[in-house]
N, C-alpha and C. Protein backbone atom coordinates (compact mmCIF):
# COMPACT_ATOMS: atom_id res chain seq x y z
N UNK A 1 118.46 73.39 96.96
CA UNK A 1 117.11 72.91 96.64
C UNK A 1 116.96 71.47 97.11
N UNK A 2 115.77 71.17 97.54
CA UNK A 2 115.48 69.80 97.96
C UNK A 2 115.11 68.95 96.74
N UNK A 3 115.32 67.66 96.87
CA UNK A 3 115.07 66.72 95.78
C UNK A 3 113.59 66.39 95.64
N UNK A 4 113.16 66.23 94.38
CA UNK A 4 111.82 65.73 94.10
C UNK A 4 111.74 64.32 94.67
N UNK A 5 110.60 63.99 95.30
CA UNK A 5 110.42 62.66 95.88
C UNK A 5 110.73 62.61 97.36
N UNK A 6 111.32 63.69 97.91
CA UNK A 6 111.59 63.71 99.36
C UNK A 6 110.40 64.32 100.09
N UNK A 7 110.30 63.97 101.36
CA UNK A 7 109.24 64.53 102.19
C UNK A 7 109.58 66.00 102.46
N UNK A 8 108.60 66.86 102.27
CA UNK A 8 108.81 68.29 102.51
C UNK A 8 109.01 68.52 104.01
N UNK A 9 110.01 69.32 104.39
CA UNK A 9 110.22 69.60 105.81
C UNK A 9 109.00 70.29 106.44
N UNK A 10 108.64 69.82 107.62
CA UNK A 10 107.52 70.41 108.36
C UNK A 10 107.94 71.80 108.84
N UNK A 11 106.98 72.69 108.97
CA UNK A 11 107.24 74.02 109.52
C UNK A 11 106.00 74.51 110.24
N UNK A 12 106.20 75.48 111.12
CA UNK A 12 105.10 76.21 111.74
C UNK A 12 105.54 77.67 111.75
N UNK A 13 104.81 78.50 110.98
CA UNK A 13 105.17 79.91 110.82
C UNK A 13 103.92 80.77 110.92
N UNK A 14 104.08 82.03 111.37
CA UNK A 14 102.93 82.94 111.42
C UNK A 14 102.63 83.55 110.05
N UNK A 15 101.33 83.77 109.80
CA UNK A 15 100.92 84.43 108.56
C UNK A 15 100.80 85.93 108.77
N UNK A 16 100.26 86.63 107.77
CA UNK A 16 100.16 88.09 107.82
C UNK A 16 99.21 88.58 108.91
N UNK A 17 98.42 87.67 109.50
CA UNK A 17 97.53 88.05 110.60
C UNK A 17 98.05 87.54 111.94
N UNK A 18 99.24 86.93 111.93
CA UNK A 18 99.81 86.40 113.16
C UNK A 18 99.32 85.01 113.51
N UNK A 19 98.48 84.41 112.65
CA UNK A 19 97.98 83.05 112.91
C UNK A 19 99.03 82.05 112.44
N UNK A 20 99.18 80.97 113.20
CA UNK A 20 100.20 79.97 112.90
C UNK A 20 99.70 78.96 111.86
N UNK A 21 100.61 78.60 110.96
CA UNK A 21 100.33 77.61 109.91
C UNK A 21 101.44 76.58 109.91
N UNK A 22 101.06 75.31 109.78
CA UNK A 22 102.01 74.21 109.63
C UNK A 22 101.76 73.55 108.29
N UNK A 23 102.78 72.97 107.71
CA UNK A 23 102.60 72.26 106.45
C UNK A 23 101.56 71.15 106.62
N UNK A 24 101.59 70.47 107.76
CA UNK A 24 100.65 69.37 108.00
C UNK A 24 99.18 69.83 108.01
N UNK A 25 98.94 71.13 108.22
CA UNK A 25 97.57 71.67 108.15
C UNK A 25 96.97 71.48 106.76
N UNK A 26 97.81 71.30 105.77
CA UNK A 26 97.36 71.26 104.38
C UNK A 26 97.36 69.86 103.78
N UNK A 27 97.50 68.82 104.63
CA UNK A 27 97.43 67.45 104.13
C UNK A 27 96.11 67.27 103.39
N UNK A 28 96.17 66.55 102.28
CA UNK A 28 94.96 66.34 101.48
C UNK A 28 94.79 67.38 100.38
N UNK A 29 95.67 68.38 100.36
CA UNK A 29 95.66 69.41 99.32
C UNK A 29 97.06 69.52 98.74
N UNK A 30 97.13 69.93 97.48
CA UNK A 30 98.45 70.25 96.92
C UNK A 30 98.84 71.63 97.46
N UNK A 31 100.13 71.81 97.69
CA UNK A 31 100.64 73.07 98.22
C UNK A 31 101.69 73.64 97.25
N UNK A 32 101.48 74.88 96.85
CA UNK A 32 102.50 75.61 96.11
C UNK A 32 103.18 76.48 97.15
N UNK A 33 104.41 76.12 97.47
CA UNK A 33 105.18 76.82 98.49
C UNK A 33 106.26 77.60 97.76
N UNK A 34 106.08 78.92 97.75
CA UNK A 34 107.09 79.73 97.03
C UNK A 34 107.82 80.64 97.98
N UNK A 35 109.12 80.75 97.75
CA UNK A 35 110.01 81.56 98.57
C UNK A 35 110.43 82.77 97.75
N UNK A 36 110.32 83.94 98.35
CA UNK A 36 110.66 85.17 97.64
C UNK A 36 111.47 86.09 98.54
N UNK A 37 112.31 86.95 97.93
CA UNK A 37 113.24 87.76 98.73
C UNK A 37 112.62 88.82 99.64
N UNK A 38 111.68 89.64 99.13
CA UNK A 38 111.26 90.79 99.95
C UNK A 38 109.92 91.36 99.51
N UNK A 39 109.07 91.64 100.51
CA UNK A 39 107.79 92.32 100.25
C UNK A 39 108.04 93.67 99.57
N UNK A 40 107.09 94.07 98.74
CA UNK A 40 107.04 95.41 98.12
C UNK A 40 108.12 95.69 97.08
N UNK A 41 108.96 94.71 96.73
CA UNK A 41 109.95 94.94 95.67
C UNK A 41 109.31 94.58 94.33
N UNK A 42 109.85 95.07 93.24
CA UNK A 42 109.15 94.93 91.95
C UNK A 42 108.93 93.48 91.55
N UNK A 43 109.98 92.65 91.57
CA UNK A 43 109.82 91.26 91.17
C UNK A 43 108.88 90.49 92.08
N UNK A 44 109.02 90.71 93.37
CA UNK A 44 108.18 89.99 94.34
C UNK A 44 106.72 90.43 94.23
N UNK A 45 106.51 91.70 93.92
CA UNK A 45 105.14 92.20 93.76
C UNK A 45 104.51 91.60 92.50
N UNK A 46 105.27 91.55 91.40
CA UNK A 46 104.75 90.93 90.17
C UNK A 46 104.36 89.48 90.42
N UNK A 47 105.24 88.75 91.09
CA UNK A 47 104.98 87.34 91.36
C UNK A 47 103.75 87.17 92.25
N UNK A 48 103.68 87.93 93.33
CA UNK A 48 102.55 87.81 94.26
C UNK A 48 101.23 88.20 93.60
N UNK A 49 101.23 89.26 92.82
CA UNK A 49 100.00 89.70 92.16
C UNK A 49 99.54 88.67 91.12
N UNK A 50 100.48 88.06 90.42
CA UNK A 50 100.10 87.02 89.45
C UNK A 50 99.54 85.80 90.16
N UNK A 51 100.14 85.40 91.28
CA UNK A 51 99.57 84.30 92.07
C UNK A 51 98.17 84.69 92.54
N UNK A 52 98.00 85.95 92.94
CA UNK A 52 96.69 86.42 93.39
C UNK A 52 95.63 86.36 92.30
N UNK A 53 96.00 86.80 91.10
CA UNK A 53 95.06 86.78 89.97
C UNK A 53 94.64 85.36 89.62
N UNK A 54 95.58 84.43 89.71
CA UNK A 54 95.30 83.03 89.35
C UNK A 54 94.78 82.21 90.52
N UNK A 55 94.68 82.80 91.69
CA UNK A 55 94.34 82.03 92.89
C UNK A 55 93.06 81.22 92.76
N UNK A 56 91.98 81.78 92.18
CA UNK A 56 90.77 80.96 92.03
C UNK A 56 91.02 79.68 91.21
N UNK A 57 91.88 79.78 90.21
CA UNK A 57 92.19 78.60 89.39
C UNK A 57 93.02 77.58 90.19
N UNK A 58 93.91 78.07 91.04
CA UNK A 58 94.66 77.15 91.90
C UNK A 58 93.71 76.41 92.83
N UNK A 59 92.76 77.15 93.41
CA UNK A 59 91.79 76.54 94.33
C UNK A 59 90.93 75.50 93.61
N UNK A 60 90.52 75.82 92.36
CA UNK A 60 89.73 74.87 91.56
C UNK A 60 90.48 73.56 91.37
N UNK A 61 91.80 73.64 91.28
CA UNK A 61 92.63 72.45 91.08
C UNK A 61 93.04 71.82 92.41
N UNK A 62 92.47 72.29 93.50
CA UNK A 62 92.73 71.69 94.81
C UNK A 62 94.06 72.08 95.44
N UNK A 63 94.60 73.23 95.03
CA UNK A 63 95.90 73.65 95.56
C UNK A 63 95.78 74.94 96.37
N UNK A 64 96.65 75.08 97.35
CA UNK A 64 96.78 76.33 98.09
C UNK A 64 98.13 76.94 97.73
N UNK A 65 98.22 78.25 97.88
CA UNK A 65 99.46 78.97 97.62
C UNK A 65 99.94 79.56 98.95
N UNK A 66 101.20 79.29 99.27
CA UNK A 66 101.83 79.87 100.46
C UNK A 66 103.11 80.56 100.03
N UNK A 67 103.21 81.85 100.33
CA UNK A 67 104.43 82.60 100.04
C UNK A 67 105.24 82.75 101.32
N UNK A 68 106.55 82.58 101.22
CA UNK A 68 107.43 82.67 102.40
C UNK A 68 108.57 83.63 102.13
N UNK A 69 108.79 84.55 103.07
CA UNK A 69 110.00 85.38 103.06
C UNK A 69 110.40 85.62 104.50
N UNK A 70 111.53 86.32 104.69
CA UNK A 70 111.97 86.60 106.06
C UNK A 70 111.40 87.92 106.58
N UNK A 71 110.50 88.54 105.81
CA UNK A 71 109.86 89.77 106.26
C UNK A 71 108.98 89.49 107.49
N UNK A 72 108.69 90.55 108.23
CA UNK A 72 107.88 90.43 109.44
C UNK A 72 106.40 90.24 109.11
N UNK A 73 105.65 89.82 110.11
CA UNK A 73 104.20 89.69 109.99
C UNK A 73 103.60 91.04 109.57
N UNK A 74 104.06 92.13 110.19
CA UNK A 74 103.54 93.47 109.87
C UNK A 74 103.83 93.84 108.41
N UNK A 75 105.01 93.53 107.92
CA UNK A 75 105.36 93.80 106.53
C UNK A 75 104.45 93.00 105.60
N UNK A 76 104.23 91.73 105.92
CA UNK A 76 103.34 90.88 105.11
C UNK A 76 101.92 91.45 105.09
N UNK A 77 101.47 91.96 106.23
CA UNK A 77 100.11 92.51 106.31
C UNK A 77 99.97 93.71 105.37
N UNK A 78 100.96 94.60 105.37
CA UNK A 78 100.95 95.77 104.47
C UNK A 78 100.96 95.32 103.01
N UNK A 79 101.78 94.32 102.70
CA UNK A 79 101.90 93.78 101.34
C UNK A 79 100.55 93.20 100.89
N UNK A 80 99.95 92.40 101.76
CA UNK A 80 98.64 91.80 101.46
C UNK A 80 97.59 92.88 101.21
N UNK A 81 97.53 93.87 102.09
CA UNK A 81 96.51 94.91 101.98
C UNK A 81 96.72 95.80 100.76
N UNK A 82 97.96 96.19 100.50
CA UNK A 82 98.25 97.07 99.37
C UNK A 82 97.86 96.44 98.04
N UNK A 83 98.09 95.12 97.89
CA UNK A 83 97.84 94.46 96.61
C UNK A 83 96.64 93.51 96.62
N UNK A 84 95.91 93.46 97.72
CA UNK A 84 94.72 92.61 97.80
C UNK A 84 95.03 91.14 97.59
N UNK A 85 96.10 90.66 98.19
CA UNK A 85 96.53 89.27 97.98
C UNK A 85 95.59 88.31 98.72
N UNK A 86 95.05 87.31 98.01
CA UNK A 86 94.06 86.41 98.61
C UNK A 86 94.63 85.16 99.24
N UNK A 87 95.95 85.05 99.30
CA UNK A 87 96.56 83.82 99.82
C UNK A 87 97.44 84.14 101.03
N UNK A 88 97.97 83.10 101.63
CA UNK A 88 98.73 83.20 102.87
C UNK A 88 100.19 83.55 102.62
N UNK A 89 100.68 84.53 103.37
CA UNK A 89 102.10 84.90 103.36
C UNK A 89 102.67 84.50 104.73
N UNK A 90 103.73 83.73 104.72
CA UNK A 90 104.33 83.26 105.96
C UNK A 90 105.63 83.99 106.25
N UNK A 91 105.80 84.32 107.52
CA UNK A 91 106.95 85.10 107.98
C UNK A 91 107.97 84.16 108.64
N UNK A 92 109.21 84.20 108.13
CA UNK A 92 110.28 83.36 108.66
C UNK A 92 111.52 84.22 108.97
N UNK A 93 111.41 85.15 109.95
CA UNK A 93 112.54 86.03 110.24
C UNK A 93 113.76 85.29 110.78
N UNK A 94 113.57 84.10 111.34
CA UNK A 94 114.70 83.30 111.84
C UNK A 94 115.39 82.56 110.69
N UNK A 95 114.79 82.54 109.52
CA UNK A 95 115.32 81.92 108.29
C UNK A 95 115.45 80.39 108.43
N UNK A 96 114.76 79.80 109.40
CA UNK A 96 114.87 78.35 109.62
C UNK A 96 114.23 77.56 108.47
N UNK A 97 112.98 77.86 108.16
CA UNK A 97 112.28 77.13 107.09
C UNK A 97 112.96 77.42 105.76
N UNK A 98 113.35 78.66 105.56
CA UNK A 98 114.05 79.06 104.32
C UNK A 98 115.31 78.20 104.15
N UNK A 99 116.04 77.98 105.23
CA UNK A 99 117.24 77.13 105.17
C UNK A 99 116.86 75.66 104.99
N UNK A 100 115.81 75.21 105.70
CA UNK A 100 115.38 73.81 105.58
C UNK A 100 115.05 73.44 104.14
N UNK A 101 114.54 74.40 103.38
CA UNK A 101 114.16 74.15 101.98
C UNK A 101 115.31 74.46 101.00
N UNK A 102 116.47 74.82 101.53
CA UNK A 102 117.66 74.99 100.70
C UNK A 102 117.66 76.21 99.80
N UNK A 103 116.90 77.24 100.15
CA UNK A 103 116.81 78.42 99.28
C UNK A 103 117.57 79.64 99.84
N UNK A 104 118.23 79.47 100.99
CA UNK A 104 119.08 80.53 101.56
C UNK A 104 120.48 80.26 101.01
N UNK A 105 120.88 81.06 100.05
CA UNK A 105 122.12 80.78 99.33
C UNK A 105 122.92 82.06 99.12
N UNK A 106 124.17 81.85 98.72
CA UNK A 106 125.03 82.98 98.40
C UNK A 106 124.53 83.61 97.10
N UNK A 107 124.43 84.93 97.11
CA UNK A 107 123.98 85.67 95.92
C UNK A 107 125.00 86.76 95.62
N UNK A 108 124.98 87.21 94.39
CA UNK A 108 125.86 88.32 93.99
C UNK A 108 125.02 89.40 93.33
N UNK A 109 125.32 90.64 93.69
CA UNK A 109 124.63 91.78 93.10
C UNK A 109 125.61 92.94 93.05
N UNK A 110 125.82 93.47 91.87
CA UNK A 110 126.75 94.59 91.69
C UNK A 110 128.12 94.28 92.31
N UNK A 111 128.58 93.03 92.13
CA UNK A 111 129.89 92.64 92.63
C UNK A 111 129.96 92.33 94.12
N UNK A 112 128.84 92.53 94.81
CA UNK A 112 128.80 92.26 96.25
C UNK A 112 128.24 90.86 96.48
N UNK A 113 128.85 90.09 97.35
CA UNK A 113 128.38 88.76 97.69
C UNK A 113 127.68 88.81 99.04
N UNK A 114 126.52 88.16 99.14
CA UNK A 114 125.77 88.15 100.39
C UNK A 114 124.86 86.93 100.41
N UNK A 115 124.30 86.62 101.56
CA UNK A 115 123.36 85.51 101.69
C UNK A 115 121.94 86.06 101.52
N UNK A 116 121.12 85.31 100.80
CA UNK A 116 119.75 85.75 100.59
C UNK A 116 118.89 84.62 100.05
N UNK A 117 117.62 84.92 99.89
CA UNK A 117 116.66 83.94 99.37
C UNK A 117 116.75 83.90 97.85
N UNK A 118 116.96 82.69 97.32
CA UNK A 118 116.90 82.48 95.88
C UNK A 118 115.43 82.17 95.58
N UNK A 119 114.83 82.97 94.70
CA UNK A 119 113.41 82.80 94.38
C UNK A 119 113.17 81.38 93.87
N UNK A 120 112.41 80.60 94.63
CA UNK A 120 112.22 79.18 94.36
C UNK A 120 110.79 78.77 94.69
N UNK A 121 110.32 77.73 94.00
CA UNK A 121 108.96 77.25 94.22
C UNK A 121 108.93 75.73 94.26
N UNK A 122 108.20 75.22 95.23
CA UNK A 122 107.99 73.78 95.38
C UNK A 122 106.52 73.47 95.20
N UNK A 123 106.24 72.34 94.53
CA UNK A 123 104.89 71.80 94.48
C UNK A 123 104.92 70.55 95.36
N UNK A 124 104.08 70.55 96.38
CA UNK A 124 104.04 69.48 97.37
C UNK A 124 102.69 68.77 97.23
N UNK A 125 102.72 67.44 97.19
CA UNK A 125 101.47 66.70 96.99
C UNK A 125 100.66 66.58 98.28
N UNK A 126 99.52 65.91 98.18
CA UNK A 126 98.56 65.79 99.29
C UNK A 126 99.12 65.06 100.49
N UNK A 127 100.21 64.28 100.28
CA UNK A 127 100.84 63.53 101.37
C UNK A 127 102.06 64.23 101.94
N UNK A 128 102.39 65.41 101.42
CA UNK A 128 103.54 66.16 101.94
C UNK A 128 104.86 65.82 101.27
N UNK A 129 104.79 65.26 100.05
CA UNK A 129 106.00 64.90 99.30
C UNK A 129 106.23 65.92 98.19
N UNK A 130 107.48 66.33 98.02
CA UNK A 130 107.82 67.29 96.96
C UNK A 130 107.71 66.59 95.61
N UNK A 131 106.84 67.12 94.73
CA UNK A 131 106.70 66.50 93.40
C UNK A 131 107.30 67.36 92.29
N UNK A 132 107.55 68.64 92.55
CA UNK A 132 108.25 69.51 91.61
C UNK A 132 109.06 70.51 92.43
N UNK A 133 110.23 70.88 91.90
CA UNK A 133 111.08 71.86 92.58
C UNK A 133 111.72 72.75 91.52
N UNK A 134 111.55 74.05 91.66
CA UNK A 134 112.08 75.01 90.69
C UNK A 134 112.89 76.06 91.41
N UNK A 135 114.16 76.19 91.05
CA UNK A 135 115.03 77.21 91.63
C UNK A 135 115.25 78.33 90.64
N UNK A 136 115.61 79.50 91.16
CA UNK A 136 115.88 80.68 90.34
C UNK A 136 114.77 80.93 89.32
N UNK A 137 113.52 80.91 89.80
CA UNK A 137 112.38 81.11 88.90
C UNK A 137 112.25 82.57 88.49
N UNK A 138 111.62 82.80 87.36
CA UNK A 138 111.32 84.16 86.90
C UNK A 138 110.02 84.59 87.58
N UNK A 139 110.09 85.71 88.28
CA UNK A 139 108.97 86.16 89.11
C UNK A 139 107.65 86.24 88.35
N UNK A 140 107.66 86.88 87.18
CA UNK A 140 106.42 87.11 86.45
C UNK A 140 105.86 85.82 85.84
N UNK A 141 106.72 84.87 85.49
CA UNK A 141 106.28 83.65 84.81
C UNK A 141 105.92 82.51 85.75
N UNK A 142 106.43 82.53 86.96
CA UNK A 142 106.29 81.41 87.89
C UNK A 142 104.84 81.01 88.18
N UNK A 143 103.92 81.95 88.45
CA UNK A 143 102.55 81.52 88.74
C UNK A 143 101.88 80.74 87.59
N UNK A 144 102.05 81.20 86.35
CA UNK A 144 101.47 80.50 85.20
C UNK A 144 102.12 79.12 85.06
N UNK A 145 103.44 79.08 85.24
CA UNK A 145 104.18 77.81 85.19
C UNK A 145 103.60 76.82 86.21
N UNK A 146 103.35 77.29 87.44
CA UNK A 146 102.85 76.40 88.48
C UNK A 146 101.42 75.94 88.19
N UNK A 147 100.61 76.80 87.59
CA UNK A 147 99.25 76.41 87.22
C UNK A 147 99.30 75.28 86.20
N UNK A 148 100.22 75.39 85.23
CA UNK A 148 100.39 74.34 84.21
C UNK A 148 100.85 73.04 84.87
N UNK A 149 101.70 73.13 85.87
CA UNK A 149 102.21 71.92 86.55
C UNK A 149 101.08 71.15 87.23
N UNK A 150 100.01 71.85 87.62
CA UNK A 150 98.87 71.19 88.28
C UNK A 150 98.02 70.43 87.26
N UNK A 151 98.23 70.73 85.96
CA UNK A 151 97.51 70.01 84.90
C UNK A 151 96.13 70.55 84.62
């Protein structure tokens, strides 16, 4: 995980429509940048749907929500359409941005060790500085937690 108070690493990634997004595109707005393991899985779906339900409230508070996983643009498009997600999903199949943000870590499941995305969320201010960082977040609770962080 990156430290609070550090400048958030710049990135340029495609969204679910293949359009490119950079962190600098969002200067002047707060950014909730959340990293999740995989489209269409139960925890990730709960988290994404909760962010979707609360999205109007995030916008009222001047924040955008960006979800990042290593899934493809096509997978993100299916995920967005199936659940009516109103926010941007970014595809990082090269795992570069995921690594830059320190969320590509060793994980264990059923005794097997592997590398994967640790569900994590950053709140980035209008100048591109990390003001909150949460690792190993609970999928269902994270969106409400982030709304509270915006005040």
